[in-house]
């Protein structure tokens, strides 16, 4: 478990992650990176559970990029 002083928020879900954790060019947790890996390249239609689509805005704001 990480010490809180060595964590920063995931820019998608705000979960605490170790400082320096970057995936696909953005500061995000493993769960959000896994979601991106499986879902975004397929261009599937998504809807946030709360109905606001705030969770998806983070991906587009961060301009997440799949590694070639």
N, C-alpha and C. Protein backbone atom coordinates (compact mmCIF):
# COMPACT_ATOMS: atom_id res chain seq x y z
N UNK A 1 0.85 -1.18 0.00
CA UNK A 1 0.00 0.00 0.00
C UNK A 1 0.89 1.24 0.00
N UNK A 2 0.51 2.25 -0.74
CA UNK A 2 1.30 3.47 -0.86
C UNK A 2 1.01 4.45 0.26
N UNK A 3 2.03 5.16 0.67
CA UNK A 3 1.88 6.25 1.62
C UNK A 3 1.15 7.38 0.89
N UNK A 4 0.18 8.02 1.55
CA UNK A 4 -0.61 9.07 0.90
C UNK A 4 0.24 10.22 0.40
N UNK A 5 1.39 10.48 1.04
CA UNK A 5 2.24 11.59 0.60
C UNK A 5 2.89 11.27 -0.74
N UNK A 6 2.89 10.02 -1.14
CA UNK A 6 3.48 9.61 -2.41
C UNK A 6 2.43 9.28 -3.46
N UNK A 7 1.21 9.80 -3.28
CA UNK A 7 0.16 9.52 -4.25
C UNK A 7 -0.42 10.81 -4.82
N UNK A 8 -0.98 10.67 -6.00
CA UNK A 8 -1.68 11.76 -6.67
C UNK A 8 -2.99 11.17 -7.19
N UNK A 9 -3.98 12.00 -7.52
CA UNK A 9 -5.24 11.44 -8.02
C UNK A 9 -5.15 11.04 -9.50
N UNK A 10 -5.81 9.94 -9.82
CA UNK A 10 -6.01 9.58 -11.23
C UNK A 10 -6.84 10.72 -11.83
N UNK A 11 -6.46 11.19 -13.00
CA UNK A 11 -7.18 12.31 -13.60
C UNK A 11 -8.52 11.92 -14.21
N UNK A 12 -8.84 10.62 -14.20
CA UNK A 12 -10.13 10.17 -14.70
C UNK A 12 -11.09 9.91 -13.55
N UNK A 13 -10.67 9.04 -12.61
CA UNK A 13 -11.59 8.62 -11.54
C UNK A 13 -11.24 9.19 -10.17
N UNK A 14 -10.14 9.88 -10.05
CA UNK A 14 -9.63 10.51 -8.82
C UNK A 14 -9.13 9.53 -7.76
N UNK A 15 -9.02 8.24 -8.08
CA UNK A 15 -8.43 7.26 -7.16
C UNK A 15 -6.96 7.62 -6.94
N UNK A 16 -6.45 7.43 -5.73
CA UNK A 16 -5.05 7.72 -5.44
C UNK A 16 -4.13 6.72 -6.13
N UNK A 17 -3.13 7.24 -6.84
CA UNK A 17 -2.15 6.39 -7.53
C UNK A 17 -0.75 6.88 -7.20
N UNK A 18 0.27 6.03 -7.33
CA UNK A 18 1.64 6.46 -7.04
C UNK A 18 2.07 7.63 -7.93
N UNK A 19 2.85 8.53 -7.36
CA UNK A 19 3.39 9.66 -8.11
C UNK A 19 4.16 9.11 -9.31
N UNK A 20 3.99 9.69 -10.46
CA UNK A 20 4.71 9.28 -11.66
C UNK A 20 4.02 8.20 -12.47
N UNK A 21 2.86 7.74 -12.05
CA UNK A 21 2.14 6.72 -12.81
C UNK A 21 1.54 7.35 -14.06
N UNK A 22 2.06 6.95 -15.20
CA UNK A 22 1.54 7.48 -16.47
C UNK A 22 1.26 6.31 -17.40
N UNK A 23 0.10 6.34 -17.98
CA UNK A 23 -0.29 5.32 -18.95
C UNK A 23 -0.95 6.02 -20.13
N UNK A 24 -0.56 5.64 -21.32
CA UNK A 24 -1.11 6.24 -22.54
C UNK A 24 -0.94 7.75 -22.55
N UNK A 25 0.14 8.23 -21.96
CA UNK A 25 0.43 9.66 -21.97
C UNK A 25 -0.32 10.48 -20.95
N UNK A 26 -0.99 9.86 -19.99
CA UNK A 26 -1.77 10.60 -18.99
C UNK A 26 -1.59 9.98 -17.61
N UNK A 27 -1.81 10.78 -16.59
CA UNK A 27 -1.74 10.34 -15.20
C UNK A 27 -3.04 9.61 -14.86
N UNK A 28 -3.03 8.28 -14.96
CA UNK A 28 -4.25 7.53 -14.67
C UNK A 28 -3.93 6.20 -14.01
N UNK A 29 -4.92 5.65 -13.33
CA UNK A 29 -4.76 4.38 -12.61
C UNK A 29 -4.84 3.20 -13.57
N UNK A 30 -4.48 2.03 -13.06
CA UNK A 30 -4.52 0.82 -13.87
C UNK A 30 -5.92 0.46 -14.34
N UNK A 31 -6.92 0.71 -13.49
CA UNK A 31 -8.30 0.39 -13.87
C UNK A 31 -8.76 1.24 -15.05
N UNK A 32 -8.48 2.52 -15.00
CA UNK A 32 -8.88 3.40 -16.10
C UNK A 32 -8.08 3.07 -17.37
N UNK A 33 -6.80 2.74 -17.22
CA UNK A 33 -5.99 2.35 -18.37
C UNK A 33 -6.54 1.07 -19.00
N UNK A 34 -6.95 0.11 -18.17
CA UNK A 34 -7.51 -1.14 -18.69
C UNK A 34 -8.82 -0.87 -19.44
N UNK A 35 -9.66 0.00 -18.90
CA UNK A 35 -10.91 0.36 -19.57
C UNK A 35 -10.60 0.97 -20.94
N UNK A 36 -9.64 1.88 -20.97
CA UNK A 36 -9.26 2.53 -22.22
C UNK A 36 -8.76 1.49 -23.23
N UNK A 37 -7.90 0.59 -22.77
CA UNK A 37 -7.32 -0.43 -23.64
C UNK A 37 -8.38 -1.29 -24.29
N UNK A 38 -9.38 -1.71 -23.51
CA UNK A 38 -10.41 -2.61 -24.02
C UNK A 38 -11.51 -1.89 -24.80
N UNK A 39 -11.81 -0.68 -24.45
CA UNK A 39 -13.05 -0.06 -24.92
C UNK A 39 -12.91 1.05 -25.94
N UNK A 40 -12.06 1.98 -25.69
CA UNK A 40 -11.99 3.17 -26.54
C UNK A 40 -11.59 2.84 -27.98
N UNK A 41 -10.60 1.96 -28.23
CA UNK A 41 -10.25 1.67 -29.63
C UNK A 41 -11.39 1.06 -30.43
N UNK A 42 -12.33 0.41 -29.78
CA UNK A 42 -13.47 -0.19 -30.47
C UNK A 42 -14.55 0.83 -30.81
N UNK A 43 -14.39 2.06 -30.34
CA UNK A 43 -15.35 3.14 -30.57
C UNK A 43 -16.76 2.74 -30.16
N UNK A 44 -16.86 2.05 -29.06
CA UNK A 44 -18.16 1.63 -28.55
C UNK A 44 -18.90 2.83 -27.95
N UNK A 45 -20.20 2.74 -27.89
CA UNK A 45 -21.01 3.81 -27.28
C UNK A 45 -21.09 3.56 -25.78
N UNK A 46 -20.78 4.57 -24.98
CA UNK A 46 -20.78 4.44 -23.53
C UNK A 46 -21.67 5.48 -22.90
N UNK A 47 -22.16 5.16 -21.73
CA UNK A 47 -22.95 6.09 -20.94
C UNK A 47 -22.53 5.93 -19.49
N UNK A 48 -22.22 7.03 -18.83
CA UNK A 48 -21.82 6.98 -17.42
C UNK A 48 -23.01 6.54 -16.56
N UNK A 49 -22.69 5.88 -15.46
CA UNK A 49 -23.73 5.41 -14.55
C UNK A 49 -24.57 6.55 -14.00
N UNK A 50 -23.94 7.73 -13.80
CA UNK A 50 -24.69 8.85 -13.23
C UNK A 50 -25.42 9.67 -14.30
N UNK A 51 -25.23 9.31 -15.58
CA UNK A 51 -25.96 9.97 -16.66
C UNK A 51 -25.39 11.29 -17.13
N UNK A 52 -24.27 11.74 -16.57
CA UNK A 52 -23.72 13.04 -16.95
C UNK A 52 -22.60 12.95 -17.98
N UNK A 53 -22.06 11.76 -18.18
CA UNK A 53 -20.91 11.53 -19.07
C UNK A 53 -19.66 12.27 -18.63
N UNK A 54 -19.60 12.67 -17.36
CA UNK A 54 -18.40 13.32 -16.83
C UNK A 54 -17.19 12.39 -16.90
N UNK A 55 -17.41 11.10 -16.67
CA UNK A 55 -16.29 10.16 -16.68
C UNK A 55 -15.65 10.07 -18.07
N UNK A 56 -16.43 10.16 -19.11
CA UNK A 56 -15.89 10.08 -20.46
C UNK A 56 -15.18 11.36 -20.88
N UNK A 57 -15.62 12.48 -20.36
CA UNK A 57 -14.99 13.75 -20.71
C UNK A 57 -13.51 13.75 -20.35
N UNK A 58 -13.17 13.06 -19.27
CA UNK A 58 -11.77 12.98 -18.85
C UNK A 58 -10.88 12.36 -19.91
N UNK A 59 -11.36 11.32 -20.55
CA UNK A 59 -10.56 10.67 -21.59
C UNK A 59 -10.28 11.62 -22.74
N UNK A 60 -11.29 12.34 -23.18
CA UNK A 60 -11.12 13.22 -24.32
C UNK A 60 -10.32 14.47 -23.94
N UNK A 61 -10.51 14.96 -22.71
CA UNK A 61 -9.76 16.11 -22.24
C UNK A 61 -8.28 15.78 -22.17
N UNK A 62 -7.95 14.58 -21.69
CA UNK A 62 -6.56 14.17 -21.56
C UNK A 62 -5.95 13.73 -22.88
N UNK A 63 -6.77 13.57 -23.90
CA UNK A 63 -6.30 13.14 -25.22
C UNK A 63 -5.49 11.85 -25.10
N UNK A 64 -6.08 10.86 -24.43
CA UNK A 64 -5.41 9.58 -24.23
C UNK A 64 -5.06 8.99 -25.59
N UNK A 65 -3.86 8.42 -25.68
CA UNK A 65 -3.40 7.87 -26.94
C UNK A 65 -2.96 6.43 -26.76
N UNK A 66 -3.46 5.57 -27.61
CA UNK A 66 -3.07 4.16 -27.62
C UNK A 66 -1.65 4.07 -28.18
N UNK A 67 -0.80 3.32 -27.52
CA UNK A 67 0.58 3.15 -27.98
C UNK A 67 0.58 2.27 -29.23
N UNK A 68 1.35 2.63 -30.21
CA UNK A 68 1.42 1.86 -31.47
C UNK A 68 2.38 0.71 -31.30
